[in-house]
Amino acid sequence: MQSFRVWRSRLLPVLLGMIALPITLAAQAPGGSGAPDAARLKVARRVVQASGAEAIILKSIELTLPGQRAQSPTIPAEFWERFLVKARADVGVLVDSLAPVYAARFTKAELEQLLAFYESPVGRRVVADQPAIAQESQQLGMRWGTRMGAAIAVEMANEGKPLQ
C-alpha cells in the first residue's frame, strides 16, 4: 500500500502533466460552443490522431519513467515494466478521450483547418519530429532547471540559509 501511495503522489501528477499539454492548448483556443455534434467530434478525432498525440504521449512517458524509478526506489522494476507495456497497449483510449476536448473548443471549420495542416507536408513533418523535439526539450529543461537550482542554492548559502 505504501508503494501505491508513493506512485500516486509522485508518478500520477507527472503523467497527468505530460498529457495536459494538448488539452491545455485546446483549452486556450476559442471556437466551439456547447456540446459538439457528431460531425465535429469525428473531425476532432481525426485531428487528434493526425497530430501524433499517441506518439507524443508515449515518448513523454518513456522519457519520464527513469526519473520516476529513481525517485521511487521502493517500487519494483516489474511495476514500471508493466506500466509501460500497459501504457503502450492502452494509449488509444486516452487519445480517443481527447477528441471531445478538441471538439468542444474548436468549430468544425477550425478542426478542418487543423486537420489540413496535419495532413500537409509540413504538418506531417511536425508530427514526425515531435517526439525528438519533446526529448530535446526535456533535456534542455532539465539543464535549465539544474542551473537555476544551483544558482538559488549558492544564493541561499551566501545568505547563510541552509537548504535542509
C-alpha atoms as a PDB file:
ATOM      1  CA  MET A   1       0.000   0.000   0.000  1.00  0.00           C
ATOM      2  CA  GLN A   2       2.889   2.369   0.752  1.00  0.00           C
ATOM      3  CA  SER A   3       4.256   1.839  -2.775  1.00  0.00           C
ATOM      4  CA  PHE A   4       0.884   2.745  -4.263  1.00  0.00           C
ATOM      5  CA  ARG A   5       0.766   5.955  -2.226  1.00  0.00           C
ATOM      6  CA  VAL A   6       4.253   6.844  -3.425  1.00  0.00           C
ATOM      7  CA  TRP A   7       3.245   6.079  -7.012  1.00  0.00           C
ATOM      8  CA  ARG A   8       0.057   8.093  -6.699  1.00  0.00           C
ATOM      9  CA  SER A   9       1.793  11.094  -5.147  1.00  0.00           C
ATOM     10  CA  ARG A  10       4.825  11.159  -7.446  1.00  0.00           C
ATOM     11  CA  LEU A  11       4.080   9.461 -10.751  1.00  0.00           C
ATOM     12  CA  LEU A  12       0.461  10.321 -11.339  1.00  0.00           C
ATOM     13  CA  PRO A  13       0.988  14.129 -11.347  1.00  0.00           C
ATOM     14  CA  VAL A  14       3.849  13.765 -13.824  1.00  0.00           C
ATOM     15  CA  LEU A  15       1.843  11.558 -16.148  1.00  0.00           C
ATOM     16  CA  LEU A  16      -1.134  13.867 -15.985  1.00  0.00           C
ATOM     17  CA  GLY A  17       1.140  16.806 -16.718  1.00  0.00           C
ATOM     18  CA  MET A  18       2.522  15.051 -19.779  1.00  0.00           C
ATOM     19  CA  ILE A  19      -0.885  14.576 -21.275  1.00  0.00           C
ATOM     20  CA  ALA A  20      -2.128  18.003 -20.246  1.00  0.00           C
ATOM     21  CA  LEU A  21      -0.217  19.916 -22.928  1.00  0.00           C
ATOM     22  CA  PRO A  22      -2.523  19.046 -25.847  1.00  0.00           C
ATOM     23  CA  ILE A  23      -5.534  19.597 -23.614  1.00  0.00           C
ATOM     24  CA  THR A  24      -4.165  22.922 -22.363  1.00  0.00           C
ATOM     25  CA  LEU A  25      -3.504  24.131 -25.893  1.00  0.00           C
ATOM     26  CA  ALA A  26      -7.007  23.175 -26.921  1.00  0.00           C
ATOM     27  CA  ALA A  27      -8.492  24.890 -23.883  1.00  0.00           C
ATOM     28  CA  GLN A  28      -6.825  28.161 -24.808  1.00  0.00           C
ATOM     29  CA  ALA A  29      -8.428  28.257 -28.228  1.00  0.00           C
ATOM     30  CA  PRO A  30     -11.816  29.877 -28.711  1.00  0.00           C
ATOM     31  CA  GLY A  31     -14.269  28.241 -31.027  1.00  0.00           C
ATOM     32  CA  GLY A  32     -16.818  25.588 -30.284  1.00  0.00           C
ATOM     33  CA  SER A  33     -19.786  26.206 -28.120  1.00  0.00           C
ATOM     34  CA  GLY A  34     -21.994  23.737 -26.352  1.00  0.00           C
ATOM     35  CA  ALA A  35     -21.873  20.005 -26.859  1.00  0.00           C
ATOM     36  CA  PRO A  36     -20.163  19.088 -30.113  1.00  0.00           C
ATOM     37  CA  ASP A  37     -22.208  17.375 -32.780  1.00  0.00           C
ATOM     38  CA  ALA A  38     -21.199  14.038 -34.268  1.00  0.00           C
ATOM     39  CA  ALA A  39     -19.599  15.613 -37.343  1.00  0.00           C
ATOM     40  CA  ARG A  40     -17.394  17.912 -35.274  1.00  0.00           C
ATOM     41  CA  LEU A  41     -16.452  15.047 -32.979  1.00  0.00           C
ATOM     42  CA  LYS A  42     -15.474  12.892 -35.968  1.00  0.00           C
ATOM     43  CA  VAL A  43     -13.188  15.608 -37.355  1.00  0.00           C
ATOM     44  CA  ALA A  44     -11.748  16.235 -33.880  1.00  0.00           C
ATOM     45  CA  ARG A  45     -10.857  12.550 -33.538  1.00  0.00           C
ATOM     46  CA  ARG A  46      -9.053  12.718 -36.894  1.00  0.00           C
ATOM     47  CA  VAL A  47      -7.186  15.852 -35.744  1.00  0.00           C
ATOM     48  CA  VAL A  48      -6.019  14.184 -32.537  1.00  0.00           C
ATOM     49  CA  GLN A  49      -4.844  11.126 -34.457  1.00  0.00           C
ATOM     50  CA  ALA A  50      -3.183  13.188 -37.193  1.00  0.00           C
ATOM     51  CA  SER A  51      -1.442  15.367 -34.594  1.00  0.00           C
ATOM     52  CA  GLY A  52       0.603  12.406 -33.414  1.00  0.00           C
ATOM     53  CA  ALA A  53      -0.779  12.660 -29.882  1.00  0.00           C
ATOM     54  CA  GLU A  54      -0.251   8.941 -29.301  1.00  0.00           C
ATOM     55  CA  ALA A  55       3.474   9.072 -30.091  1.00  0.00           C
ATOM     56  CA  ILE A  56       3.932  12.248 -28.051  1.00  0.00           C
ATOM     57  CA  ILE A  57       2.217  10.751 -25.011  1.00  0.00           C
ATOM     58  CA  LEU A  58       4.215   7.538 -25.208  1.00  0.00           C
ATOM     59  CA  LYS A  59       7.514   9.366 -25.718  1.00  0.00           C
ATOM     60  CA  SER A  60       6.764  11.574 -22.731  1.00  0.00           C
ATOM     61  CA  ILE A  61       6.059   8.536 -20.568  1.00  0.00           C
ATOM     62  CA  GLU A  62       9.229   6.805 -21.760  1.00  0.00           C
ATOM     63  CA  LEU A  63      11.285   9.925 -21.008  1.00  0.00           C
ATOM     64  CA  THR A  64       9.916  10.434 -17.510  1.00  0.00           C
ATOM     65  CA  LEU A  65       9.881   6.831 -16.286  1.00  0.00           C
ATOM     66  CA  PRO A  66      13.628   6.661 -15.490  1.00  0.00           C
ATOM     67  CA  GLY A  67      13.309   9.705 -13.229  1.00  0.00           C
ATOM     68  CA  GLN A  68      10.224   8.258 -11.588  1.00  0.00           C
ATOM     69  CA  ARG A  69      12.031   4.980 -10.996  1.00  0.00           C
ATOM     70  CA  ALA A  70      14.929   6.841  -9.387  1.00  0.00           C
ATOM     71  CA  GLN A  71      12.593   8.871  -7.157  1.00  0.00           C
ATOM     72  CA  SER A  72      10.665   5.783  -6.090  1.00  0.00           C
ATOM     73  CA  PRO A  73      13.276   3.078  -5.477  1.00  0.00           C
ATOM     74  CA  THR A  74      10.892   1.033  -3.324  1.00  0.00           C
ATOM     75  CA  ILE A  75       8.608   0.373  -6.272  1.00  0.00           C
ATOM     76  CA  PRO A  76       9.779  -2.803  -8.006  1.00  0.00           C
ATOM     77  CA  ALA A  77      11.136  -2.694 -11.558  1.00  0.00           C
ATOM     78  CA  GLU A  78       8.364  -5.045 -12.629  1.00  0.00           C
ATOM     79  CA  PHE A  79       5.805  -2.342 -11.848  1.00  0.00           C
ATOM     80  CA  TRP A  80       7.490   0.125 -14.231  1.00  0.00           C
ATOM     81  CA  GLU A  81       7.849  -2.515 -16.941  1.00  0.00           C
ATOM     82  CA  ARG A  82       4.174  -3.431 -16.656  1.00  0.00           C
ATOM     83  CA  PHE A  83       3.194   0.228 -16.592  1.00  0.00           C
ATOM     84  CA  LEU A  84       4.996   0.892 -19.872  1.00  0.00           C
ATOM     85  CA  VAL A  85       3.507  -2.195 -21.533  1.00  0.00           C
ATOM     86  CA  LYS A  86       0.021  -1.215 -20.363  1.00  0.00           C
ATOM     87  CA  ALA A  87       0.510   2.416 -21.438  1.00  0.00           C
ATOM     88  CA  ARG A  88       1.560   1.333 -24.927  1.00  0.00           C
ATOM     89  CA  ALA A  89      -1.403  -1.019 -25.211  1.00  0.00           C
ATOM     90  CA  ASP A  90      -3.967   1.417 -23.782  1.00  0.00           C
ATOM     91  CA  VAL A  91      -2.826   4.817 -25.102  1.00  0.00           C
ATOM     92  CA  GLY A  92      -5.536   4.730 -27.772  1.00  0.00           C
ATOM     93  CA  VAL A  93      -8.184   5.065 -25.089  1.00  0.00           C
ATOM     94  CA  LEU A  94      -6.562   8.284 -23.886  1.00  0.00           C
ATOM     95  CA  VAL A  95      -6.160   9.591 -27.423  1.00  0.00           C
ATOM     96  CA  ASP A  96      -9.849   8.889 -28.132  1.00  0.00           C
ATOM     97  CA  SER A  97     -10.815  10.751 -24.966  1.00  0.00           C
ATOM     98  CA  LEU A  98      -9.039  13.871 -26.243  1.00  0.00           C
ATOM     99  CA  ALA A  99     -11.352  14.191 -29.256  1.00  0.00           C
ATOM    100  CA  PRO A 100     -14.289  15.598 -27.258  1.00  0.00           C
ATOM    101  CA  VAL A 101     -11.933  18.127 -25.654  1.00  0.00           C
ATOM    102  CA  TYR A 102     -10.930  19.445 -29.073  1.00  0.00           C
ATOM    103  CA  ALA A 103     -14.470  19.213 -30.435  1.00  0.00           C
ATOM    104  CA  ALA A 104     -15.795  21.300 -27.553  1.00  0.00           C
ATOM    105  CA  ARG A 105     -13.262  24.067 -28.112  1.00  0.00           C
ATOM    106  CA  PHE A 106     -12.941  24.342 -31.870  1.00  0.00           C
ATOM    107  CA  THR A 107     -15.541  24.851 -34.533  1.00  0.00           C
ATOM    108  CA  LYS A 108     -15.849  22.264 -37.269  1.00  0.00           C
ATOM    109  CA  ALA A 109     -14.216  24.699 -39.701  1.00  0.00           C
ATOM    110  CA  GLU A 110     -11.264  25.225 -37.319  1.00  0.00           C
ATOM    111  CA  LEU A 111     -10.897  21.484 -36.845  1.00  0.00           C
ATOM    112  CA  GLU A 112     -10.877  21.010 -40.613  1.00  0.00           C
ATOM    113  CA  GLN A 113      -8.121  23.636 -40.866  1.00  0.00           C
ATOM    114  CA  LEU A 114      -6.114  21.847 -38.193  1.00  0.00           C
ATOM    115  CA  LEU A 115      -6.588  18.556 -39.997  1.00  0.00           C
ATOM    116  CA  ALA A 116      -5.494  20.125 -43.282  1.00  0.00           C
ATOM    117  CA  PHE A 117      -2.347  21.360 -41.548  1.00  0.00           C
ATOM    118  CA  TYR A 118      -1.516  17.973 -40.011  1.00  0.00           C
ATOM    119  CA  GLU A 119      -2.124  16.258 -43.348  1.00  0.00           C
ATOM    120  CA  SER A 120       0.068  18.757 -45.223  1.00  0.00           C
ATOM    121  CA  PRO A 121       3.771  18.043 -45.816  1.00  0.00           C
ATOM    122  CA  VAL A 122       4.865  20.482 -43.111  1.00  0.00           C
ATOM    123  CA  GLY A 123       2.236  19.145 -40.707  1.00  0.00           C
ATOM    124  CA  ARG A 124       3.431  15.579 -41.266  1.00  0.00           C
ATOM    125  CA  ARG A 125       6.980  16.782 -40.631  1.00  0.00           C
ATOM    126  CA  VAL A 126       5.913  18.431 -37.364  1.00  0.00           C
ATOM    127  CA  VAL A 127       4.271  15.173 -36.277  1.00  0.00           C
ATOM    128  CA  ALA A 128       7.302  13.108 -37.284  1.00  0.00           C
ATOM    129  CA  ASP A 129       9.720  15.396 -35.446  1.00  0.00           C
ATOM    130  CA  GLN A 130       7.572  15.942 -32.351  1.00  0.00           C
ATOM    131  CA  PRO A 131       8.909  13.007 -30.282  1.00  0.00           C
ATOM    132  CA  ALA A 132      12.513  14.097 -30.884  1.00  0.00           C
ATOM    133  CA  ILE A 133      11.559  17.708 -30.124  1.00  0.00           C
ATOM    134  CA  ALA A 134       9.936  16.550 -26.879  1.00  0.00           C
ATOM    135  CA  GLN A 135      13.082  14.646 -25.910  1.00  0.00           C
ATOM    136  CA  GLU A 136      15.382  17.579 -26.678  1.00  0.00           C
ATOM    137  CA  SER A 137      13.022  19.958 -24.891  1.00  0.00           C
ATOM    138  CA  GLN A 138      13.038  17.778 -21.786  1.00  0.00           C
ATOM    139  CA  GLN A 139      16.836  17.661 -21.785  1.00  0.00           C
ATOM    140  CA  LEU A 140      17.045  21.436 -22.201  1.00  0.00           C
ATOM    141  CA  GLY A 141      14.508  21.903 -19.426  1.00  0.00           C
ATOM    142  CA  MET A 142      16.444  19.625 -17.098  1.00  0.00           C
ATOM    143  CA  ARG A 143      19.686  21.520 -17.735  1.00  0.00           C
ATOM    144  CA  TRP A 144      17.907  24.846 -17.257  1.00  0.00           C
ATOM    145  CA  GLY A 145      16.327  23.671 -14.002  1.00  0.00           C
ATOM    146  CA  THR A 146      19.640  22.295 -12.748  1.00  0.00           C
ATOM    147  CA  ARG A 147      21.411  25.605 -13.436  1.00  0.00           C
ATOM    148  CA  MET A 148      18.614  27.582 -11.811  1.00  0.00           C
ATOM    149  CA  GLY A 149      18.570  25.284  -8.762  1.00  0.00           C
ATOM    150  CA  ALA A 150      22.344  25.529  -8.383  1.00  0.00           C
ATOM    151  CA  ALA A 151      22.193  29.328  -8.597  1.00  0.00           C
ATOM    152  CA  ILE A 152      19.492  29.508  -5.940  1.00  0.00           C
ATOM    153  CA  ALA A 153      21.435  27.100  -3.704  1.00  0.00           C
ATOM    154  CA  VAL A 154      24.509  29.368  -3.981  1.00  0.00           C
ATOM    155  CA  GLU A 155      22.406  32.452  -3.237  1.00  0.00           C
ATOM    156  CA  MET A 156      20.905  30.827  -0.162  1.00  0.00           C
ATOM    157  CA  ALA A 157      24.312  29.572   1.006  1.00  0.00           C
ATOM    158  CA  ASN A 158      25.701  33.108   0.648  1.00  0.00           C
ATOM    159  CA  GLU A 159      22.799  34.332   2.768  1.00  0.00           C
ATOM    160  CA  GLY A 160      23.549  31.703   5.399  1.00  0.00           C
ATOM    161  CA  LYS A 161      20.301  29.830   4.777  1.00  0.00           C
ATOM    162  CA  PRO A 162      20.570  26.045   4.736  1.00  0.00           C
ATOM    163  CA  LEU A 163      18.741  24.014   2.099  1.00  0.00           C
ATOM    164  CA  GLN A 164      17.631  21.423   4.646  1.00  0.00           C
END
